[in-house]
Amino acid sequence: MAIRVMLVDDQVLLRTGFRMVLAAQPDMEVVAEAGDGAEAIEILRATPVDVVLMDVRMPRLDGVEATRRICAQPDAPRVLILTTFDLDEYAFSGLKAGASGFMLKDVPPAELLAAIRSVHSGDAVVAPSTTRRLLDRFSPLLPSGNSEPQHKGTGKLTEREREVMLLVAQGLSNGEIAARLVLSEATVKTHVGRILTKLSLRDRVQVVVLAYETGLVRAGGGAG
């Protein structure tokens, strides 16, 4: 069954470009389009969608609030935030609102397609290099670790799980974490799964958000 994709962007030309790329894929189908968040939410009430490609800056209802409302619904589609990066300083808020990841609007088609497939399969899409740059840029917007209480669940983590969590939060992939800690990728994946369970988090995107908000990791990649 094809992955049902919805395009949400106020620029018709961009939607047309994305639609052409997706239409060429045998496993994807663009089933809906919207010019703003409010229209997207209305369409989703009647149209089954698997993955939403969500712009950030739009009239009426922006992508962050739209993402929050969509992800709060039962059996919600996965949301992939699309940002221009240099202009949009709301991508972090979008991740916090429940998005499964973010991509740059000028991403190569092959990477966008891979991201859609990953999100659809339940993974989070957070490119390590982009994560580090994004969080460095957003550091003035994030609360300091001194004023935020630690997440009560972090006390349940083992020392190894805490190590893995800090590296995930710094934007490292499972392979990079495995190399850093001299573990197998399978072992790292197991640790990540346990971290998500213990902290009641959906995916590694939420690990990044939690670690920065509570001061476990500070902007720039260092442990708090």
Foldseek 3Di string as FASTA:
>chain_A
DAAEEEEEALDPVLVVVLQVLQVVDPRHDHPYYYNALVVVVVVVVPDDHAEYEAEADGPPHGRLVSLLVQQVDPPGHAYEYEYCLVPDLCVLSSLVSPHLYYDYSPDPSVVVVVQSVQVSVQAGDYQLVVLLVSLLVCQVVADALVPAAAQVLVVVADPVLLLLLLCLLNRDDLVRSCVVVVHDSVVSVVSQVVVCVSSVHRYSSVSNSNCDNNQCAHRVSHGD
